C-alpha cells in the first residue's frame, strides 16, 4: 500500500529545477522527513547510462519515437527499482522531471501523438502518478540564455521554436490539471521561487510525509 508522496518539478531548460529540488529536499529533511531525490532520465544504473545516450551532443541522430521509448524505458526501471519501494515505505520522492516532461517534450515538442504517449505513460507508471507537481515556467529564450552554448546537451541545443512548443505544452498540462500542477514564475530569484514552492505544499501532507 502506498504511504508516501511523489512530488515532481518540471519546466523548460534553464528554469532552475535541479536547484529547487535540492532546496525543497533540504527544507523537508530539516523537518525530519525522509526524502529521496531522483531525476529523469536517470535515477538507476541503467537509467544513467541511457541518459548519457539521450543527452549526448555529438550529432548522433535519434528519431522522435526512439527518443520516446528510451525515456519510457528509463522510467519503467526507475518506478520499479526506486519509486515504488520508497513510496510503499512512506518516503517522499522528489523527482527532477517525470510524467509531464514526456508529454511536453515528445508530444508538444516533437509532435508525437498525445494519446499514444498517455497510454504508454500509464502502462509504465501504473499508479505511481505525482501527487503534486511544480512547473517552473519562464520564457523559452530566457531559459536558454541561462545556459552556455558550449555546454548545451542534445535537447538544450534544439532550436527556440522547439523549446517554445515545450513551454506551451507544459502550460496546457497545467490548465488541464490545476489541482496537481502549480505554476511557479521561475525568472525570479532562487530563494523567492523556493519560498513559493514551500507555500504550495498542503499542510495536510506534512503529518504523513516521511512516515512509515
Protein backbone atom coordinates (compact mmCIF):
# COMPACT_ATOMS: atom_id res chain seq x y z
CA UNK A 1 0.00 0.00 0.00
CA UNK A 2 1.37 3.40 -1.00
CA UNK A 3 2.07 5.58 2.03
CA UNK A 4 4.48 8.17 0.68
CA UNK A 5 4.24 11.12 -1.69
CA UNK A 6 5.68 11.77 -5.12
CA UNK A 7 6.47 15.42 -5.86
CA UNK A 8 7.84 16.36 -9.26
CA UNK A 9 9.45 19.53 -10.58
CA UNK A 10 9.00 20.31 -14.25
CA UNK A 11 9.99 23.07 -16.62
CA UNK A 12 12.00 24.01 -19.67
CA UNK A 13 15.74 24.36 -20.00
CA UNK A 14 17.37 26.79 -17.58
CA UNK A 15 14.32 27.05 -15.32
CA UNK A 16 16.21 26.01 -12.18
CA UNK A 17 14.54 22.68 -11.44
CA UNK A 18 17.63 20.93 -10.13
CA UNK A 19 18.41 23.73 -7.69
CA UNK A 20 14.83 23.79 -6.43
CA UNK A 21 14.80 20.02 -5.91
CA UNK A 22 17.82 20.38 -3.63
CA UNK A 23 16.33 23.33 -1.72
CA UNK A 24 12.98 21.61 -1.21
CA UNK A 25 14.68 18.38 -0.14
CA UNK A 26 16.76 20.27 2.41
CA UNK A 27 13.64 22.03 3.72
CA UNK A 28 11.78 18.76 4.21
CA UNK A 29 14.77 16.99 5.73
CA UNK A 30 15.09 19.79 8.27
CA UNK A 31 11.61 18.78 9.43
CA UNK A 32 12.77 15.21 9.90
CA UNK A 33 11.29 13.84 6.68
CA UNK A 34 12.87 11.02 4.73
CA UNK A 35 13.48 12.32 1.20
CA UNK A 36 14.66 10.50 -1.91
CA UNK A 37 15.95 12.64 -4.79
CA UNK A 38 15.75 11.41 -8.36
CA UNK A 39 15.99 12.72 -11.90
CA UNK A 40 14.79 11.75 -15.34
CA UNK A 41 16.24 10.36 -17.40
CA UNK A 42 18.39 8.55 -14.86
CA UNK A 43 17.99 7.57 -11.23
CA UNK A 44 19.15 3.96 -11.71
CA UNK A 45 22.28 2.34 -13.08
CA UNK A 46 20.53 1.55 -16.35
CA UNK A 47 18.82 4.93 -16.48
CA UNK A 48 22.06 6.87 -16.09
CA UNK A 49 23.62 5.00 -19.00
CA UNK A 50 20.60 5.74 -21.20
CA UNK A 51 20.69 9.37 -20.04
CA UNK A 52 24.19 9.70 -21.42
CA UNK A 53 22.99 8.37 -24.77
CA UNK A 54 19.91 10.61 -24.85
CA UNK A 55 21.66 13.85 -23.98
CA UNK A 56 24.93 13.44 -25.87
CA UNK A 57 25.58 16.37 -28.17
CA UNK A 58 27.87 14.71 -30.72
CA UNK A 59 25.42 14.66 -33.59
CA UNK A 60 24.05 11.13 -33.17
CA UNK A 61 20.56 11.05 -34.68
CA UNK A 62 17.70 9.74 -32.55
CA UNK A 63 14.23 9.58 -34.08
CA UNK A 64 11.33 11.04 -32.05
CA UNK A 65 9.77 7.60 -31.46
CA UNK A 66 13.11 6.08 -30.44
CA UNK A 67 13.64 9.01 -28.08
CA UNK A 68 10.21 8.48 -26.52
CA UNK A 69 10.81 4.77 -25.95
CA UNK A 70 14.24 5.37 -24.44
CA UNK A 71 12.80 7.85 -21.96
CA UNK A 72 9.99 5.48 -21.05
CA UNK A 73 12.36 2.53 -20.61
CA UNK A 74 14.28 4.64 -18.08
CA UNK A 75 11.01 5.50 -16.34
CA UNK A 76 9.89 1.87 -16.14
CA UNK A 77 13.15 0.93 -14.43
CA UNK A 78 13.02 3.93 -12.09
CA UNK A 79 9.45 3.25 -11.00
CA UNK A 80 10.01 -0.41 -10.17
CA UNK A 81 13.55 -0.16 -8.76
CA UNK A 82 13.31 3.10 -6.83
CA UNK A 83 9.96 4.87 -6.65
CA UNK A 84 7.60 2.07 -5.72
CA UNK A 85 9.70 0.73 -2.79
CA UNK A 86 10.28 4.25 -1.46
CA UNK A 87 6.61 5.21 -1.67
CA UNK A 88 5.45 1.95 -0.12
CA UNK A 89 7.83 2.63 2.78
CA UNK A 90 6.24 6.05 3.32
CA UNK A 91 9.01 8.25 1.98
CA UNK A 92 8.90 11.44 -0.06
CA UNK A 93 10.21 11.16 -3.59
CA UNK A 94 11.32 14.39 -5.28
CA UNK A 95 11.94 13.98 -8.99
CA UNK A 96 13.51 16.41 -11.46
CA UNK A 97 11.14 15.79 -14.42
CA UNK A 98 8.83 12.80 -14.80
CA UNK A 99 5.44 12.10 -16.39
CA UNK A 100 4.65 15.57 -17.73
CA UNK A 101 8.05 16.02 -19.38
CA UNK A 102 7.28 13.24 -21.86
CA UNK A 103 4.06 14.93 -22.91
CA UNK A 104 5.71 18.35 -23.19
CA UNK A 105 8.91 17.31 -24.94
CA UNK A 106 7.99 14.29 -27.06
CA UNK A 107 4.33 15.26 -27.52
CA UNK A 108 4.22 19.02 -27.99
CA UNK A 109 7.91 19.44 -28.81
CA UNK A 110 8.42 16.52 -31.21
CA UNK A 111 4.83 16.26 -32.39
CA UNK A 112 4.21 12.63 -31.40
CA UNK A 113 0.63 11.52 -30.80
CA UNK A 114 -0.53 12.66 -27.37
CA UNK A 115 -2.97 9.78 -26.90
CA UNK A 116 -0.22 7.25 -27.61
CA UNK A 117 2.06 8.92 -25.08
CA UNK A 118 -0.72 8.96 -22.49
CA UNK A 119 -1.42 5.27 -22.94
CA UNK A 120 2.23 4.19 -22.73
CA UNK A 121 2.87 6.51 -19.79
CA UNK A 122 0.01 4.87 -17.87
CA UNK A 123 1.29 1.40 -18.73
CA UNK A 124 4.78 2.27 -17.49
CA UNK A 125 3.91 4.00 -14.20
CA UNK A 126 0.62 2.27 -13.31
CA UNK A 127 -0.41 4.02 -10.04
CA UNK A 128 2.87 5.88 -9.46
CA UNK A 129 1.48 9.25 -10.54
CA UNK A 130 2.68 12.54 -8.99
CA UNK A 131 0.73 13.83 -6.01
CA UNK A 132 2.00 17.35 -6.63
CA UNK A 133 3.91 18.97 -9.47
CA UNK A 134 5.67 22.34 -9.59
CA UNK A 135 6.02 23.78 -13.07
CA UNK A 136 8.87 26.30 -13.14
CA UNK A 137 7.77 28.50 -16.00
CA UNK A 138 9.68 31.15 -17.92
CA UNK A 139 10.08 32.34 -21.49
CA UNK A 140 11.95 29.73 -23.51
CA UNK A 141 14.59 32.18 -24.73
CA UNK A 142 15.25 33.46 -21.22
CA UNK A 143 15.84 29.91 -20.01
CA UNK A 144 18.18 29.08 -22.87
CA UNK A 145 20.09 32.30 -22.26
CA UNK A 146 21.00 30.96 -18.82
CA UNK A 147 22.83 28.02 -20.42
CA UNK A 148 26.24 28.36 -22.01
CA UNK A 149 26.06 27.47 -25.70
CA UNK A 150 29.27 25.50 -25.39
CA UNK A 151 27.85 23.37 -22.58
CA UNK A 152 24.42 22.57 -24.05
CA UNK A 153 23.31 18.94 -24.32
CA UNK A 154 21.34 17.48 -27.23
CA UNK A 155 17.94 18.76 -26.06
CA UNK A 156 19.23 22.13 -24.90
CA UNK A 157 20.75 22.56 -28.35
CA UNK A 158 17.38 22.33 -30.13
CA UNK A 159 16.05 25.49 -31.78
CA UNK A 160 14.00 28.11 -29.99
CA UNK A 161 10.76 27.04 -31.73
CA UNK A 162 11.10 23.56 -30.22
CA UNK A 163 11.52 24.96 -26.70
CA UNK A 164 8.58 27.32 -27.19
CA UNK A 165 6.37 24.35 -28.10
CA UNK A 166 7.60 22.54 -24.99
CA UNK A 167 6.65 25.51 -22.83
CA UNK A 168 3.20 25.70 -24.46
CA UNK A 169 2.75 22.01 -23.75
CA UNK A 170 3.63 22.41 -20.10
CA UNK A 171 1.21 25.32 -19.71
CA UNK A 172 -1.55 23.32 -21.39
CA UNK A 173 -0.95 20.47 -18.96
CA UNK A 174 -1.20 22.95 -16.08
CA UNK A 175 -4.57 24.13 -17.38
CA UNK A 176 -5.77 20.54 -17.60
CA UNK A 177 -4.51 19.60 -14.12
CA UNK A 178 -4.93 22.68 -11.88
CA UNK A 179 -5.22 20.63 -8.72
CA UNK A 180 -1.90 18.88 -9.20
CA UNK A 181 0.28 21.28 -11.20
CA UNK A 182 1.26 24.57 -9.59
CA UNK A 183 2.80 27.10 -11.98
CA UNK A 184 5.73 28.99 -10.46
CA UNK A 185 7.30 32.03 -12.18
CA UNK A 186 10.90 30.91 -12.46
CA UNK A 187 12.57 34.11 -13.66
CA UNK A 188 12.69 35.46 -10.08
CA UNK A 189 15.43 34.95 -7.52
CA UNK A 190 16.20 31.42 -6.36
CA UNK A 191 15.09 31.94 -2.75
CA UNK A 192 11.86 33.67 -3.79
CA UNK A 193 10.97 30.73 -6.02
CA UNK A 194 11.84 28.28 -3.24
CA UNK A 195 9.60 30.12 -0.76
CA UNK A 196 6.63 29.96 -3.12
CA UNK A 197 7.17 26.24 -3.69
CA UNK A 198 7.16 25.60 0.05
CA UNK A 199 4.00 27.66 0.44
CA UNK A 200 2.17 25.41 -2.02
CA UNK A 201 2.82 22.21 -0.08
CA UNK A 202 -0.51 21.48 1.66
CA UNK A 203 -0.37 21.34 5.44
CA UNK A 204 -2.30 18.08 5.21
CA UNK A 205 0.75 16.48 3.53
CA UNK A 206 3.13 17.21 6.34
CA UNK A 207 1.88 14.90 9.12
CA UNK A 208 2.09 11.96 6.72
CA UNK A 209 5.21 12.84 4.77
CA UNK A 210 8.16 10.62 5.54
CA UNK A 211 6.32 8.34 7.94
CA UNK A 212 6.21 4.62 7.52
